[in-house]
């Protein structure tokens, strides 16, 4: 309802309620939504704490189960939100918490996509467009991303 302070104040209550959900798939979905909200609001410490409660690749043992999100998705969401708030170094630290190399690469590409597009207001009705010129900081971030990707390839 637009009252972010009140919503942030009720996060602990929502987390307690989420722990009572008996179906893992549903609990995971609720926790992921809480992580998304916290990341969007810039409450990164709490978002990382909640993300730590999610499982990593829960389908590994039972591919017949359908999971929407796991810890990797939560870390990617947090890192992208950090980049949006110009906390690039912290975002890279979060990305390196992703254990699966392929998932880490996907997260790095998500960040690369985020910093390579012009921010276009949602109300404009236009698609995001690729930039033609980059600032010095954006070029530095791109170099760091390339180095991180190259490091992951060599692992």
N, C-alpha and C. Protein backbone atom coordinates (compact mmCIF):
# COMPACT_ATOMS: atom_id res chain seq x y z
N UNK A 1 0.83 -1.20 0.00
CA UNK A 1 0.00 0.00 0.00
C UNK A 1 0.87 1.25 0.00
N UNK A 2 2.14 1.09 -0.30
CA UNK A 2 3.01 2.25 -0.42
C UNK A 2 3.70 2.66 0.86
N UNK A 3 3.45 2.00 1.96
CA UNK A 3 4.08 2.34 3.22
C UNK A 3 5.25 1.39 3.46
N UNK A 4 6.39 1.74 2.91
CA UNK A 4 7.57 0.88 2.97
C UNK A 4 8.04 0.68 4.40
N UNK A 5 8.04 1.74 5.22
CA UNK A 5 8.50 1.61 6.60
C UNK A 5 7.66 0.58 7.36
N UNK A 6 6.36 0.65 7.19
CA UNK A 6 5.48 -0.31 7.88
C UNK A 6 5.73 -1.72 7.36
N UNK A 7 5.94 -1.84 6.05
CA UNK A 7 6.20 -3.17 5.47
C UNK A 7 7.50 -3.75 5.99
N UNK A 8 8.54 -2.92 6.06
CA UNK A 8 9.83 -3.40 6.59
C UNK A 8 9.70 -3.81 8.06
N UNK A 9 8.86 -3.11 8.80
CA UNK A 9 8.66 -3.43 10.21
C UNK A 9 7.96 -4.78 10.40
N UNK A 10 7.22 -5.22 9.41
CA UNK A 10 6.49 -6.48 9.55
C UNK A 10 7.22 -7.67 8.93
N UNK A 11 8.42 -7.45 8.42
CA UNK A 11 9.17 -8.54 7.78
C UNK A 11 9.42 -9.69 8.74
N UNK A 12 9.80 -9.39 9.97
CA UNK A 12 10.06 -10.48 10.93
C UNK A 12 8.81 -11.30 11.19
N UNK A 13 7.67 -10.64 11.25
CA UNK A 13 6.40 -11.36 11.42
C UNK A 13 6.13 -12.24 10.20
N UNK A 14 6.39 -11.71 9.01
CA UNK A 14 6.21 -12.50 7.79
C UNK A 14 7.14 -13.71 7.77
N UNK A 15 8.37 -13.52 8.24
CA UNK A 15 9.33 -14.63 8.28
C UNK A 15 8.88 -15.72 9.25
N UNK A 16 8.35 -15.31 10.40
CA UNK A 16 7.84 -16.30 11.36
C UNK A 16 6.68 -17.07 10.75
N UNK A 17 5.82 -16.35 10.05
CA UNK A 17 4.68 -17.01 9.39
C UNK A 17 5.16 -17.97 8.31
N UNK A 18 6.18 -17.56 7.56
CA UNK A 18 6.70 -18.40 6.48
C UNK A 18 7.26 -19.72 7.02
N UNK A 19 7.84 -19.69 8.21
CA UNK A 19 8.40 -20.91 8.79
C UNK A 19 7.32 -21.94 9.14
N UNK A 20 6.09 -21.49 9.26
CA UNK A 20 4.99 -22.39 9.59
C UNK A 20 4.41 -23.08 8.36
N UNK A 21 4.82 -22.64 7.17
CA UNK A 21 4.32 -23.25 5.93
C UNK A 21 4.93 -24.63 5.79
N UNK A 22 4.09 -25.63 5.62
CA UNK A 22 4.60 -27.01 5.62
C UNK A 22 5.14 -27.47 4.27
N UNK A 23 4.60 -26.96 3.18
CA UNK A 23 5.11 -27.35 1.86
C UNK A 23 6.38 -26.56 1.55
N UNK A 24 7.49 -27.28 1.32
CA UNK A 24 8.76 -26.62 1.02
C UNK A 24 8.65 -25.66 -0.15
N UNK A 25 7.93 -26.08 -1.19
CA UNK A 25 7.82 -25.25 -2.39
C UNK A 25 7.16 -23.91 -2.07
N UNK A 26 6.11 -23.94 -1.26
CA UNK A 26 5.41 -22.71 -0.91
C UNK A 26 6.25 -21.84 0.02
N UNK A 27 6.91 -22.46 1.01
CA UNK A 27 7.76 -21.70 1.92
C UNK A 27 8.89 -21.02 1.14
N UNK A 28 9.48 -21.77 0.21
CA UNK A 28 10.55 -21.21 -0.62
C UNK A 28 10.05 -20.00 -1.41
N UNK A 29 8.87 -20.11 -1.99
CA UNK A 29 8.31 -19.00 -2.76
C UNK A 29 8.09 -17.76 -1.91
N UNK A 30 7.58 -17.95 -0.69
CA UNK A 30 7.34 -16.82 0.21
C UNK A 30 8.66 -16.19 0.63
N UNK A 31 9.64 -17.01 0.99
CA UNK A 31 10.94 -16.48 1.39
C UNK A 31 11.59 -15.70 0.25
N UNK A 32 11.46 -16.23 -0.97
CA UNK A 32 12.04 -15.54 -2.12
C UNK A 32 11.39 -14.18 -2.32
N UNK A 33 10.07 -14.11 -2.17
CA UNK A 33 9.36 -12.83 -2.31
C UNK A 33 9.81 -11.84 -1.24
N UNK A 34 10.06 -12.34 -0.04
CA UNK A 34 10.55 -11.47 1.03
C UNK A 34 11.93 -10.94 0.67
N UNK A 35 12.80 -11.82 0.16
CA UNK A 35 14.14 -11.40 -0.27
C UNK A 35 14.03 -10.33 -1.35
N UNK A 36 13.15 -10.54 -2.33
CA UNK A 36 12.97 -9.57 -3.42
C UNK A 36 12.56 -8.21 -2.88
N UNK A 37 11.60 -8.21 -1.96
CA UNK A 37 11.14 -6.96 -1.37
C UNK A 37 12.26 -6.26 -0.63
N UNK A 38 12.96 -7.01 0.22
CA UNK A 38 14.05 -6.42 1.00
C UNK A 38 15.14 -5.85 0.10
N UNK A 39 15.49 -6.58 -0.94
CA UNK A 39 16.53 -6.12 -1.87
C UNK A 39 16.07 -4.84 -2.58
N UNK A 40 14.84 -4.84 -3.01
CA UNK A 40 14.30 -3.67 -3.71
C UNK A 40 14.32 -2.43 -2.82
N UNK A 41 14.09 -2.64 -1.52
CA UNK A 41 14.06 -1.52 -0.58
C UNK A 41 15.46 -1.17 -0.04
N UNK A 42 16.48 -1.93 -0.44
CA UNK A 42 17.84 -1.63 -0.02
C UNK A 42 18.22 -2.21 1.33
N UNK A 43 17.39 -3.10 1.87
CA UNK A 43 17.69 -3.76 3.15
C UNK A 43 18.51 -5.01 2.86
N UNK A 44 19.73 -4.82 2.38
CA UNK A 44 20.54 -5.91 1.86
C UNK A 44 21.00 -6.90 2.94
N UNK A 45 21.33 -6.41 4.12
CA UNK A 45 21.77 -7.32 5.19
C UNK A 45 20.67 -8.31 5.53
N UNK A 46 19.46 -7.81 5.69
CA UNK A 46 18.32 -8.68 6.01
C UNK A 46 18.01 -9.59 4.82
N UNK A 47 18.10 -9.06 3.61
CA UNK A 47 17.84 -9.88 2.41
C UNK A 47 18.81 -11.05 2.33
N UNK A 48 20.09 -10.80 2.63
CA UNK A 48 21.09 -11.87 2.61
C UNK A 48 20.82 -12.90 3.71
N UNK A 49 20.36 -12.42 4.86
CA UNK A 49 20.02 -13.33 5.96
C UNK A 49 18.88 -14.26 5.55
N UNK A 50 17.85 -13.71 4.92
CA UNK A 50 16.71 -14.53 4.49
C UNK A 50 17.13 -15.46 3.35
N UNK A 51 17.94 -14.96 2.43
CA UNK A 51 18.42 -15.79 1.31
C UNK A 51 19.19 -17.00 1.83
N UNK A 52 19.87 -16.84 2.95
CA UNK A 52 20.61 -17.94 3.55
C UNK A 52 19.71 -19.08 4.01
N UNK A 53 18.42 -18.79 4.18
CA UNK A 53 17.47 -19.83 4.60
C UNK A 53 16.97 -20.67 3.42
N UNK A 54 17.21 -20.19 2.21
CA UNK A 54 16.76 -20.92 1.03
C UNK A 54 17.74 -22.04 0.69
N UNK A 55 17.24 -23.07 0.07
CA UNK A 55 18.08 -24.18 -0.35
C UNK A 55 18.76 -23.84 -1.67
N UNK A 56 19.89 -24.50 -1.93
CA UNK A 56 20.57 -24.36 -3.20
C UNK A 56 20.20 -25.55 -4.06
N UNK A 57 19.66 -25.28 -5.22
CA UNK A 57 19.26 -26.30 -6.19
C UNK A 57 18.49 -27.45 -5.55
N UNK A 58 17.29 -27.16 -5.03
CA UNK A 58 16.51 -28.21 -4.38
C UNK A 58 16.06 -29.31 -5.34
N UNK A 59 16.13 -29.09 -6.63
CA UNK A 59 15.73 -30.11 -7.61
C UNK A 59 16.78 -31.21 -7.76
N UNK A 60 17.95 -31.00 -7.26
CA UNK A 60 19.05 -31.94 -7.47
C UNK A 60 18.68 -33.36 -7.03
N UNK A 61 18.04 -33.48 -5.89
CA UNK A 61 17.70 -34.81 -5.39
C UNK A 61 16.39 -35.35 -5.97
N UNK A 62 15.52 -34.47 -6.39
CA UNK A 62 14.22 -34.89 -6.89
C UNK A 62 13.79 -34.00 -8.05
N UNK A 63 14.21 -34.32 -9.28
CA UNK A 63 13.90 -33.46 -10.42
C UNK A 63 12.41 -33.40 -10.76
N UNK A 64 11.61 -34.28 -10.16
CA UNK A 64 10.17 -34.23 -10.40
C UNK A 64 9.49 -33.10 -9.63
N UNK A 65 10.16 -32.58 -8.61
CA UNK A 65 9.58 -31.48 -7.84
C UNK A 65 9.78 -30.18 -8.60
N UNK A 66 8.80 -29.33 -8.50
CA UNK A 66 8.86 -28.05 -9.19
C UNK A 66 9.16 -26.94 -8.20
N UNK A 67 10.28 -26.28 -8.37
CA UNK A 67 10.67 -25.17 -7.52
C UNK A 67 10.78 -23.93 -8.38
N UNK A 68 10.23 -22.84 -7.90
CA UNK A 68 10.34 -21.60 -8.65
C UNK A 68 11.67 -20.90 -8.40
N UNK A 69 12.14 -20.92 -7.16
CA UNK A 69 13.33 -20.16 -6.82
C UNK A 69 14.18 -20.93 -5.81
N UNK A 70 15.48 -20.65 -5.85
CA UNK A 70 16.37 -21.22 -4.85
C UNK A 70 17.31 -20.12 -4.37
N UNK A 71 18.30 -20.49 -3.57
CA UNK A 71 19.22 -19.52 -3.00
C UNK A 71 19.98 -18.75 -4.09
N UNK A 72 20.32 -19.43 -5.16
CA UNK A 72 21.02 -18.79 -6.27
C UNK A 72 20.19 -17.64 -6.84
N UNK A 73 18.90 -17.87 -7.05
CA UNK A 73 18.02 -16.82 -7.57
C UNK A 73 17.97 -15.63 -6.61
N UNK A 74 17.93 -15.94 -5.32
CA UNK A 74 17.86 -14.87 -4.32
C UNK A 74 19.15 -14.04 -4.33
N UNK A 75 20.30 -14.71 -4.39
CA UNK A 75 21.56 -13.97 -4.45
C UNK A 75 21.63 -13.10 -5.71
N UNK A 76 21.17 -13.64 -6.84
CA UNK A 76 21.17 -12.86 -8.08
C UNK A 76 20.27 -11.63 -7.93
N UNK A 77 19.11 -11.81 -7.35
CA UNK A 77 18.17 -10.70 -7.15
C UNK A 77 18.79 -9.62 -6.27
N UNK A 78 19.45 -10.03 -5.20
CA UNK A 78 20.09 -9.08 -4.29
C UNK A 78 21.21 -8.34 -5.01
N UNK A 79 22.04 -9.06 -5.75
CA UNK A 79 23.17 -8.44 -6.46
C UNK A 79 22.67 -7.42 -7.48
N UNK A 80 21.63 -7.76 -8.22
CA UNK A 80 21.10 -6.83 -9.22
C UNK A 80 20.55 -5.57 -8.54
N UNK A 81 19.88 -5.75 -7.40
CA UNK A 81 19.38 -4.59 -6.66
C UNK A 81 20.54 -3.73 -6.15
N UNK A 82 21.63 -4.38 -5.73
CA UNK A 82 22.80 -3.64 -5.26
C UNK A 82 23.40 -2.80 -6.39
N UNK A 83 23.48 -3.39 -7.57
CA UNK A 83 24.00 -2.64 -8.72
C UNK A 83 23.11 -1.43 -8.99
N UNK A 84 21.81 -1.63 -8.88
CA UNK A 84 20.86 -0.52 -9.07
C UNK A 84 21.04 0.59 -8.07
N UNK A 85 21.62 0.28 -6.90
CA UNK A 85 21.87 1.28 -5.86
C UNK A 85 23.35 1.69 -5.85
N UNK A 86 24.06 1.37 -6.93
CA UNK A 86 25.47 1.71 -7.10
C UNK A 86 26.38 1.10 -6.04
N UNK A 87 26.06 -0.10 -5.60
CA UNK A 87 26.91 -0.83 -4.66
C UNK A 87 27.50 -2.02 -5.41
N UNK A 88 28.31 -1.71 -6.41
CA UNK A 88 28.83 -2.71 -7.32
C UNK A 88 29.75 -3.72 -6.63
N UNK A 89 30.65 -3.24 -5.76
CA UNK A 89 31.58 -4.16 -5.10
C UNK A 89 30.83 -5.16 -4.22
N UNK A 90 29.83 -4.69 -3.50
CA UNK A 90 29.04 -5.58 -2.66
C UNK A 90 28.29 -6.59 -3.53
N UNK A 91 27.81 -6.12 -4.68
CA UNK A 91 27.10 -7.02 -5.60
C UNK A 91 28.01 -8.15 -6.05
N UNK A 92 29.26 -7.83 -6.36
CA UNK A 92 30.21 -8.85 -6.80
C UNK A 92 30.48 -9.85 -5.67
N UNK A 93 30.53 -9.37 -4.43
CA UNK A 93 30.72 -10.27 -3.29
C UNK A 93 29.55 -11.24 -3.16
N UNK A 94 28.35 -10.74 -3.38
CA UNK A 94 27.16 -11.60 -3.31
C UNK A 94 27.20 -12.63 -4.43
N UNK A 95 27.57 -12.21 -5.63
CA UNK A 95 27.65 -13.13 -6.77
C UNK A 95 28.61 -14.28 -6.45
N UNK A 96 29.71 -13.98 -5.78
CA UNK A 96 30.69 -15.02 -5.48
C UNK A 96 30.22 -15.98 -4.40
N UNK A 97 29.08 -15.70 -3.77
CA UNK A 97 28.50 -16.64 -2.81
C UNK A 97 27.70 -17.73 -3.53
N UNK A 98 27.45 -17.55 -4.82
CA UNK A 98 26.74 -18.56 -5.60
C UNK A 98 27.70 -19.70 -5.87
N UNK A 99 27.35 -20.88 -5.43
CA UNK A 99 28.26 -22.03 -5.50
C UNK A 99 28.39 -22.62 -6.91
N UNK A 100 27.29 -22.70 -7.63
CA UNK A 100 27.29 -23.30 -8.95
C UNK A 100 27.89 -22.33 -9.97
N UNK A 101 28.92 -22.77 -10.68
CA UNK A 101 29.63 -21.90 -11.61
C UNK A 101 28.71 -21.38 -12.72
N UNK A 102 27.88 -22.24 -13.28
CA UNK A 102 26.98 -21.82 -14.35
C UNK A 102 25.99 -20.77 -13.85
N UNK A 103 25.46 -20.96 -12.66
CA UNK A 103 24.53 -19.99 -12.08
C UNK A 103 25.23 -18.67 -11.79
N UNK A 104 26.48 -18.75 -11.34
CA UNK A 104 27.26 -17.53 -11.10
C UNK A 104 27.45 -16.75 -12.39
N UNK A 105 27.74 -17.47 -13.47
CA UNK A 105 27.91 -16.83 -14.78
C UNK A 105 26.61 -16.15 -15.22
N UNK A 106 25.48 -16.83 -15.04
CA UNK A 106 24.19 -16.24 -15.40
C UNK A 106 23.94 -14.96 -14.60
N UNK A 107 24.31 -14.98 -13.33
CA UNK A 107 24.13 -13.81 -12.49
C UNK A 107 25.02 -12.66 -12.97
N UNK A 108 26.25 -12.98 -13.34
CA UNK A 108 27.14 -11.94 -13.87
C UNK A 108 26.59 -11.34 -15.16
N UNK A 109 26.02 -12.19 -16.01
CA UNK A 109 25.43 -11.67 -17.24
C UNK A 109 24.20 -10.81 -16.95
N UNK A 110 23.44 -11.17 -15.93
CA UNK A 110 22.28 -10.35 -15.54
C UNK A 110 22.74 -8.95 -15.11
N UNK A 111 23.83 -8.91 -14.36
CA UNK A 111 24.37 -7.62 -13.93
C UNK A 111 24.90 -6.84 -15.13
N UNK A 112 25.58 -7.53 -16.03
CA UNK A 112 26.10 -6.87 -17.22
C UNK A 112 24.96 -6.26 -18.03
N UNK A 113 23.87 -6.99 -18.16
CA UNK A 113 22.71 -6.47 -18.89
C UNK A 113 22.15 -5.24 -18.20
N UNK A 114 22.09 -5.28 -16.87
CA UNK A 114 21.53 -4.16 -16.12
C UNK A 114 22.36 -2.90 -16.32
N UNK A 115 23.68 -3.00 -16.28
CA UNK A 115 24.49 -1.79 -16.40
C UNK A 115 24.70 -1.36 -17.84
N UNK A 116 24.27 -2.16 -18.79
CA UNK A 116 24.50 -1.79 -20.19
C UNK A 116 23.26 -1.19 -20.85
N UNK A 117 22.23 -0.94 -20.08
CA UNK A 117 21.02 -0.37 -20.66
C UNK A 117 20.70 0.98 -20.04
N UNK A 118 20.15 1.86 -20.85
CA UNK A 118 19.71 3.16 -20.34
C UNK A 118 18.50 2.97 -19.44
N UNK A 119 18.48 3.63 -18.29
CA UNK A 119 17.25 3.56 -17.51
C UNK A 119 16.16 4.38 -18.20
N UNK A 120 15.08 3.72 -18.52
CA UNK A 120 13.95 4.39 -19.16
C UNK A 120 12.78 4.28 -18.19
N UNK A 121 12.16 5.41 -17.83
CA UNK A 121 11.05 5.34 -16.88
C UNK A 121 9.97 4.37 -17.36
N UNK A 122 9.42 3.60 -16.41
CA UNK A 122 8.38 2.62 -16.75
C UNK A 122 7.18 3.30 -17.39
N UNK A 123 6.91 4.52 -16.97
CA UNK A 123 5.72 5.22 -17.47
C UNK A 123 5.87 5.68 -18.93
N UNK A 124 7.10 5.62 -19.46
CA UNK A 124 7.32 6.12 -20.82
C UNK A 124 6.75 5.18 -21.87
N UNK A 125 6.57 3.91 -21.52
CA UNK A 125 6.05 2.96 -22.49
C UNK A 125 7.09 2.49 -23.49
N UNK A 126 8.33 2.92 -23.34
CA UNK A 126 9.40 2.51 -24.26
C UNK A 126 10.18 1.34 -23.67
N UNK A 127 10.75 0.55 -24.56
CA UNK A 127 11.63 -0.53 -24.12
C UNK A 127 12.95 0.06 -23.67
N UNK A 128 13.69 -0.72 -22.86
CA UNK A 128 15.03 -0.29 -22.48
C UNK A 128 15.92 -0.39 -23.73
N UNK A 129 16.75 0.58 -23.95
CA UNK A 129 17.57 0.60 -25.15
C UNK A 129 19.05 0.49 -24.78
N UNK A 130 19.81 -0.12 -25.67
CA UNK A 130 21.24 -0.26 -25.43
C UNK A 130 21.91 1.10 -25.51
N UNK A 131 22.84 1.33 -24.61
CA UNK A 131 23.59 2.58 -24.61
C UNK A 131 24.57 2.61 -25.77
N UNK A 132 24.89 3.82 -26.21
CA UNK A 132 25.91 3.98 -27.24
C UNK A 132 27.20 4.52 -26.63
N UNK A 133 27.09 5.20 -25.49
CA UNK A 133 28.27 5.73 -24.81
C UNK A 133 28.21 5.31 -23.34
N UNK A 134 29.38 5.04 -22.78
CA UNK A 134 29.45 4.59 -21.40
C UNK A 134 30.30 5.55 -20.58
N UNK A 135 29.96 5.72 -19.33
CA UNK A 135 30.75 6.54 -18.43
C UNK A 135 32.00 5.76 -18.03
N UNK A 136 32.96 6.46 -17.44
CA UNK A 136 34.19 5.82 -16.98
C UNK A 136 33.88 4.74 -15.95
N UNK A 137 32.95 5.04 -15.05
CA UNK A 137 32.58 4.06 -14.02
C UNK A 137 31.95 2.82 -14.65
N UNK A 138 31.08 3.01 -15.63
CA UNK A 138 30.47 1.87 -16.31
C UNK A 138 31.52 1.03 -17.03
N UNK A 139 32.49 1.68 -17.65
CA UNK A 139 33.56 0.94 -18.32
C UNK A 139 34.37 0.14 -17.31
N UNK A 140 34.64 0.73 -16.14
CA UNK A 140 35.38 0.03 -15.09
C UNK A 140 34.57 -1.18 -14.61
N UNK A 141 33.27 -1.01 -14.41
CA UNK A 141 32.43 -2.12 -13.99
C UNK A 141 32.41 -3.22 -15.04
N UNK A 142 32.35 -2.85 -16.30
CA UNK A 142 32.35 -3.84 -17.37
C UNK A 142 33.66 -4.64 -17.34
N UNK A 143 34.79 -3.95 -17.14
CA UNK A 143 36.08 -4.65 -17.05
C UNK A 143 36.08 -5.64 -15.88
N UNK A 144 35.54 -5.20 -14.74
CA UNK A 144 35.48 -6.08 -13.58
C UNK A 144 34.62 -7.30 -13.86
N UNK A 145 33.52 -7.10 -14.56
CA UNK A 145 32.66 -8.22 -14.92
C UNK A 145 33.38 -9.20 -15.84
N UNK A 146 34.08 -8.66 -16.83
CA UNK A 146 34.82 -9.52 -17.76
C UNK A 146 35.87 -10.33 -17.00
N UNK A 147 36.58 -9.67 -16.07
CA UNK A 147 37.59 -10.37 -15.28
C UNK A 147 36.94 -11.47 -14.44
N UNK A 148 35.80 -11.17 -13.84
CA UNK A 148 35.11 -12.17 -13.01
C UNK A 148 34.66 -13.34 -13.87
N UNK A 149 34.16 -13.07 -15.06
CA UNK A 149 33.72 -14.14 -15.95
C UNK A 149 34.90 -14.96 -16.40
N UNK A 150 36.02 -14.31 -16.74
CA UNK A 150 37.20 -15.06 -17.15
C UNK A 150 37.72 -15.93 -16.02
N UNK A 151 37.68 -15.42 -14.79
CA UNK A 151 38.12 -16.18 -13.63
C UNK A 151 37.23 -17.41 -13.44
N UNK A 152 35.92 -17.24 -13.65
CA UNK A 152 34.99 -18.37 -13.52
C UNK A 152 35.22 -19.41 -14.60
N UNK A 153 35.56 -18.97 -15.80
CA UNK A 153 35.82 -19.91 -16.90
C UNK A 153 37.04 -20.78 -16.61
N UNK A 154 38.01 -20.21 -15.92
CA UNK A 154 39.25 -20.95 -15.69
C UNK A 154 39.15 -21.90 -14.50
N UNK A 155 38.07 -21.78 -13.71
CA UNK A 155 37.90 -22.64 -12.53
C UNK A 155 37.50 -24.04 -12.94
